[in-house]
C-alpha atoms as a PDB file:
ATOM      1  CA  MET A   1     -12.403  18.825 -34.464  1.00  0.00           C
ATOM      2  CA  THR A   2     -14.025  18.261 -31.121  1.00  0.00           C
ATOM      3  CA  SER A   3     -12.313  19.048 -27.920  1.00  0.00           C
ATOM      4  CA  ALA A   4     -12.131  15.339 -27.039  1.00  0.00           C
ATOM      5  CA  ASN A   5     -10.420  14.711 -30.336  1.00  0.00           C
ATOM      6  CA  SER A   6      -8.045  17.539 -29.914  1.00  0.00           C
ATOM      7  CA  PHE A   7      -7.078  16.320 -26.429  1.00  0.00           C
ATOM      8  CA  LEU A   8      -6.605  12.705 -27.647  1.00  0.00           C
ATOM      9  CA  SER A   9      -4.414  14.007 -30.608  1.00  0.00           C
ATOM     10  CA  ARG A  10      -2.279  15.884 -28.215  1.00  0.00           C
ATOM     11  CA  ILE A  11      -1.704  12.808 -26.095  1.00  0.00           C
ATOM     12  CA  LEU A  12      -0.952  10.495 -29.037  1.00  0.00           C
ATOM     13  CA  LYS A  13       1.091  13.091 -31.081  1.00  0.00           C
ATOM     14  CA  THR A  14       4.746  12.067 -31.456  1.00  0.00           C
ATOM     15  CA  ASP A  15       7.340  12.437 -34.054  1.00  0.00           C
ATOM     16  CA  GLY A  16       9.743  10.002 -35.589  1.00  0.00           C
ATOM     17  CA  ASP A  17      12.325  10.283 -32.739  1.00  0.00           C
ATOM     18  CA  VAL A  18      14.224   7.067 -32.478  1.00  0.00           C
ATOM     19  CA  SER A  19      15.383   7.747 -28.976  1.00  0.00           C
ATOM     20  CA  ALA A  20      11.863   7.993 -27.794  1.00  0.00           C
ATOM     21  CA  THR A  21      11.229   4.639 -29.405  1.00  0.00           C
ATOM     22  CA  ILE A  22      14.290   3.010 -27.665  1.00  0.00           C
ATOM     23  CA  ALA A  23      13.146   4.444 -24.282  1.00  0.00           C
ATOM     24  CA  ARG A  24       9.632   3.248 -24.775  1.00  0.00           C
ATOM     25  CA  VAL A  25      10.459  -0.217 -25.878  1.00  0.00           C
ATOM     26  CA  ALA A  26      13.133  -0.593 -23.113  1.00  0.00           C
ATOM     27  CA  LEU A  27      10.703   0.484 -20.581  1.00  0.00           C
ATOM     28  CA  GLY A  28       7.880  -1.824 -21.795  1.00  0.00           C
ATOM     29  CA  VAL A  29      10.215  -4.853 -22.123  1.00  0.00           C
ATOM     30  CA  MET A  30      11.424  -4.172 -18.580  1.00  0.00           C
ATOM     31  CA  ILE A  31       8.156  -3.812 -16.845  1.00  0.00           C
ATOM     32  CA  LEU A  32       5.977  -6.251 -18.794  1.00  0.00           C
ATOM     33  CA  PRO A  33       7.444  -9.408 -17.106  1.00  0.00           C
ATOM     34  CA  HIS A  34       6.787  -7.760 -13.810  1.00  0.00           C
ATOM     35  CA  GLY A  35       3.184  -7.252 -14.685  1.00  0.00           C
ATOM     36  CA  LEU A  36       2.954 -10.921 -16.016  1.00  0.00           C
ATOM     37  CA  GLN A  37       4.328 -12.029 -12.583  1.00  0.00           C
ATOM     38  CA  LYS A  38       1.433 -10.146 -11.056  1.00  0.00           C
ATOM     39  CA  THR A  39      -1.339 -11.065 -13.339  1.00  0.00           C
ATOM     40  CA  LEU A  40      -0.610 -14.597 -14.465  1.00  0.00           C
ATOM     41  CA  GLY A  41       2.077 -15.795 -12.010  1.00  0.00           C
ATOM     42  CA  TRP A  42       4.680 -16.242 -14.735  1.00  0.00           C
ATOM     43  CA  PHE A  43       8.373 -15.802 -14.106  1.00  0.00           C
ATOM     44  CA  GLY A  44       7.940 -16.982 -10.492  1.00  0.00           C
ATOM     45  CA  GLY A  45       5.184 -14.488  -9.651  1.00  0.00           C
ATOM     46  CA  TYR A  46       2.282 -15.190  -7.458  1.00  0.00           C
ATOM     47  CA  GLY A  47      -0.535 -14.390 -10.011  1.00  0.00           C
ATOM     48  CA  PHE A  48      -3.380 -11.993  -9.518  1.00  0.00           C
ATOM     49  CA  SER A  49      -4.934 -13.251  -6.467  1.00  0.00           C
ATOM     50  CA  GLY A  50      -1.675 -13.799  -4.594  1.00  0.00           C
ATOM     51  CA  THR A  51      -0.485 -10.240  -5.537  1.00  0.00           C
ATOM     52  CA  MET A  52      -3.709  -8.598  -4.631  1.00  0.00           C
ATOM     53  CA  GLN A  53      -3.754 -10.490  -1.356  1.00  0.00           C
ATOM     54  CA  PHE A  54      -0.055  -9.362  -0.683  1.00  0.00           C
ATOM     55  CA  PHE A  55      -0.642  -5.726  -1.723  1.00  0.00           C
ATOM     56  CA  THR A  56      -3.871  -5.281   0.333  1.00  0.00           C
ATOM     57  CA  GLU A  57      -3.303  -7.576   3.388  1.00  0.00           C
ATOM     58  CA  THR A  58       0.359  -7.481   3.934  1.00  0.00           C
ATOM     59  CA  MET A  59       1.208  -4.015   2.582  1.00  0.00           C
ATOM     60  CA  GLY A  60      -2.089  -2.417   3.450  1.00  0.00           C
ATOM     61  CA  ILE A  61      -2.660  -0.841   0.006  1.00  0.00           C
ATOM     62  CA  PRO A  62      -6.213  -0.064  -0.945  1.00  0.00           C
ATOM     63  CA  TRP A  63      -7.444  -2.563  -3.475  1.00  0.00           C
ATOM     64  CA  ILE A  64      -8.086   0.084  -6.077  1.00  0.00           C
ATOM     65  CA  LEU A  65      -4.497   1.176  -5.965  1.00  0.00           C
ATOM     66  CA  ALA A  66      -3.191  -2.372  -5.909  1.00  0.00           C
ATOM     67  CA  LEU A  67      -5.228  -3.058  -9.055  1.00  0.00           C
ATOM     68  CA  ALA A  68      -3.966   0.136 -10.737  1.00  0.00           C
ATOM     69  CA  ALA A  69      -0.306  -0.923  -9.978  1.00  0.00           C
ATOM     70  CA  ILE A  70      -0.976  -4.349 -11.418  1.00  0.00           C
ATOM     71  CA  LEU A  71      -2.637  -2.911 -14.531  1.00  0.00           C
ATOM     72  CA  ALA A  72       0.089  -0.254 -15.105  1.00  0.00           C
ATOM     73  CA  GLU A  73       2.719  -2.981 -15.151  1.00  0.00           C
ATOM     74  CA  SER A  74       0.931  -5.539 -17.242  1.00  0.00           C
ATOM     75  CA  VAL A  75      -1.478  -3.607 -19.549  1.00  0.00           C
ATOM     76  CA  GLY A  76       0.834  -0.545 -19.457  1.00  0.00           C
ATOM     77  CA  GLY A  77       3.851  -2.589 -20.356  1.00  0.00           C
ATOM     78  CA  LEU A  78       2.020  -4.116 -23.453  1.00  0.00           C
ATOM     79  CA  MET A  79       0.885  -0.685 -24.431  1.00  0.00           C
ATOM     80  CA  LEU A  80       4.553   0.817 -24.316  1.00  0.00           C
ATOM     81  CA  ILE A  81       5.725  -2.078 -26.364  1.00  0.00           C
ATOM     82  CA  LEU A  82       3.145  -1.376 -29.079  1.00  0.00           C
ATOM     83  CA  GLY A  83       3.397   2.342 -28.608  1.00  0.00           C
ATOM     84  CA  LEU A  84      -0.292   2.773 -28.062  1.00  0.00           C
ATOM     85  CA  GLY A  85      -1.226   5.451 -25.537  1.00  0.00           C
ATOM     86  CA  ALA A  86       2.431   5.669 -24.601  1.00  0.00           C
ATOM     87  CA  ARG A  87       2.500   8.888 -22.830  1.00  0.00           C
ATOM     88  CA  VAL A  88      -0.252   7.715 -20.427  1.00  0.00           C
ATOM     89  CA  ALA A  89       1.176   4.185 -20.058  1.00  0.00           C
ATOM     90  CA  SER A  90       4.764   5.630 -19.325  1.00  0.00           C
ATOM     91  CA  ALA A  91       3.284   8.114 -16.845  1.00  0.00           C
ATOM     92  CA  LEU A  92       1.334   5.376 -14.946  1.00  0.00           C
ATOM     93  CA  VAL A  93       4.332   3.093 -15.052  1.00  0.00           C
ATOM     94  CA  GLY A  94       6.470   5.913 -13.669  1.00  0.00           C
ATOM     95  CA  ILE A  95       4.165   6.641 -10.976  1.00  0.00           C
ATOM     96  CA  THR A  96       3.979   3.016  -9.974  1.00  0.00           C
ATOM     97  CA  LEU A  97       7.836   2.813  -9.881  1.00  0.00           C
ATOM     98  CA  PHE A  98       8.118   5.983  -7.885  1.00  0.00           C
ATOM     99  CA  VAL A  99       5.692   4.783  -5.275  1.00  0.00           C
ATOM    100  CA  ALA A 100       7.538   1.227  -5.090  1.00  0.00           C
ATOM    101  CA  ALA A 101      10.766   3.044  -4.766  1.00  0.00           C
ATOM    102  CA  LEU A 102       9.696   5.147  -1.934  1.00  0.00           C
ATOM    103  CA  THR A 103       7.599   2.519  -0.103  1.00  0.00           C
ATOM    104  CA  SER A 104       9.696  -0.538  -0.545  1.00  0.00           C
ATOM    105  CA  HIS A 105      13.208   0.290  -1.583  1.00  0.00           C
ATOM    106  CA  VAL A 106      14.592   3.804  -0.500  1.00  0.00           C
ATOM    107  CA  GLN A 107      15.149   2.283   3.024  1.00  0.00           C
ATOM    108  CA  HIS A 108      17.661  -0.101   1.424  1.00  0.00           C
ATOM    109  CA  GLY A 109      19.994   2.776   0.074  1.00  0.00           C
ATOM    110  CA  PHE A 110      21.155   3.482  -3.370  1.00  0.00           C
ATOM    111  CA  PHE A 111      22.609   0.278  -4.705  1.00  0.00           C
ATOM    112  CA  MET A 112      20.972  -2.863  -5.948  1.00  0.00           C
ATOM    113  CA  ASN A 113      21.601  -6.065  -3.905  1.00  0.00           C
ATOM    114  CA  TRP A 114      23.846  -7.639  -6.502  1.00  0.00           C
ATOM    115  CA  PHE A 115      25.701  -9.992  -3.924  1.00  0.00           C
ATOM    116  CA  GLY A 116      22.950 -10.516  -1.415  1.00  0.00           C
ATOM    117  CA  GLN A 117      24.700  -8.521   1.219  1.00  0.00           C
ATOM    118  CA  GLN A 118      21.872  -6.281   2.246  1.00  0.00           C
ATOM    119  CA  LYS A 119      18.196  -6.874   3.181  1.00  0.00           C
ATOM    120  CA  GLY A 120      16.640  -5.556  -0.064  1.00  0.00           C
ATOM    121  CA  GLU A 121      17.116  -3.685  -3.266  1.00  0.00           C
ATOM    122  CA  GLY A 122      18.104  -0.076  -3.398  1.00  0.00           C
ATOM    123  CA  ILE A 123      16.716   2.601  -5.761  1.00  0.00           C
ATOM    124  CA  GLU A 124      19.460   2.894  -8.506  1.00  0.00           C
ATOM    125  CA  PHE A 125      17.354   0.715 -10.829  1.00  0.00           C
ATOM    126  CA  PHE A 126      14.273   2.930 -10.221  1.00  0.00           C
ATOM    127  CA  ILE A 127      16.292   5.984 -11.189  1.00  0.00           C
ATOM    128  CA  LEU A 128      16.990   4.569 -14.567  1.00  0.00           C
ATOM    129  CA  ALA A 129      13.390   3.313 -15.194  1.00  0.00           C
ATOM    130  CA  LEU A 130      11.927   6.696 -14.178  1.00  0.00           C
ATOM    131  CA  GLY A 131      14.300   8.441 -16.463  1.00  0.00           C
ATOM    132  CA  LEU A 132      12.953   6.250 -19.354  1.00  0.00           C
ATOM    133  CA  ALA A 133       9.325   6.808 -18.315  1.00  0.00           C
ATOM    134  CA  LEU A 134       9.935  10.556 -18.201  1.00  0.00           C
ATOM    135  CA  ILE A 135      11.419  10.547 -21.726  1.00  0.00           C
ATOM    136  CA  VAL A 136       8.420   8.839 -23.112  1.00  0.00           C
ATOM    137  CA  THR A 137       5.892  10.959 -21.071  1.00  0.00           C
ATOM    138  CA  LEU A 138       7.446  14.046 -22.509  1.00  0.00           C
ATOM    139  CA  LYS A 139       8.396  13.009 -26.029  1.00  0.00           C
ATOM    140  CA  GLY A 140       5.749  10.527 -26.928  1.00  0.00           C
ATOM    141  CA  ALA A 141       6.073   7.089 -28.454  1.00  0.00           C
ATOM    142  CA  GLY A 142       8.383   7.852 -31.243  1.00  0.00           C
ATOM    143  CA  LYS A 143       8.916   5.975 -34.420  1.00  0.00           C
ATOM    144  CA  PHE A 144       7.301   2.703 -35.143  1.00  0.00           C
ATOM    145  CA  SER A 145       4.491   3.273 -32.743  1.00  0.00           C
ATOM    146  CA  ALA A 146       0.615   2.764 -32.917  1.00  0.00           C
ATOM    147  CA  ASP A 147       0.288   6.394 -31.544  1.00  0.00           C
ATOM    148  CA  ARG A 148       2.154   7.791 -34.585  1.00  0.00           C
ATOM    149  CA  ALA A 149       0.119   5.680 -37.050  1.00  0.00           C
ATOM    150  CA  LEU A 150      -3.220   6.780 -35.349  1.00  0.00           C
ATOM    151  CA  VAL A 151      -2.328  10.463 -35.400  1.00  0.00           C
ATOM    152  CA  ARG A 152      -1.175  10.602 -39.047  1.00  0.00           C
ATOM    153  CA  SER A 153      -4.073   8.800 -40.402  1.00  0.00           C
END
């Protein structure tokens, strides 16, 4: 086995842990619609051009990092649902959520804006999502995943 194959096997390796599967699918189902807002303009989003313009011009994010965030949410969300490259996808989603929490939400405190009584959303949602991302990054994709099927074959 070459070192590249060994490295890939270590990234894809996962056991049949159902809790990892639940964390993976929950994170993927949560993040994919956010990615579809940014890529296709679905669910009230601005689409790829509008999102890139907002990220780069309004927020001042370098275009490569803006693109990485969009891809993490869209492609990463799909990869999580399928369980394909789940450790990498969850790590990238986690990094994206962490940066979003620090740059756009921590200043609004802890709580979500359930009743529209504050200017923005707090970080409580991000803590939960980061917990899911960390589970998948550490444990792998779990049962019913492409990663598991690839490594066992």
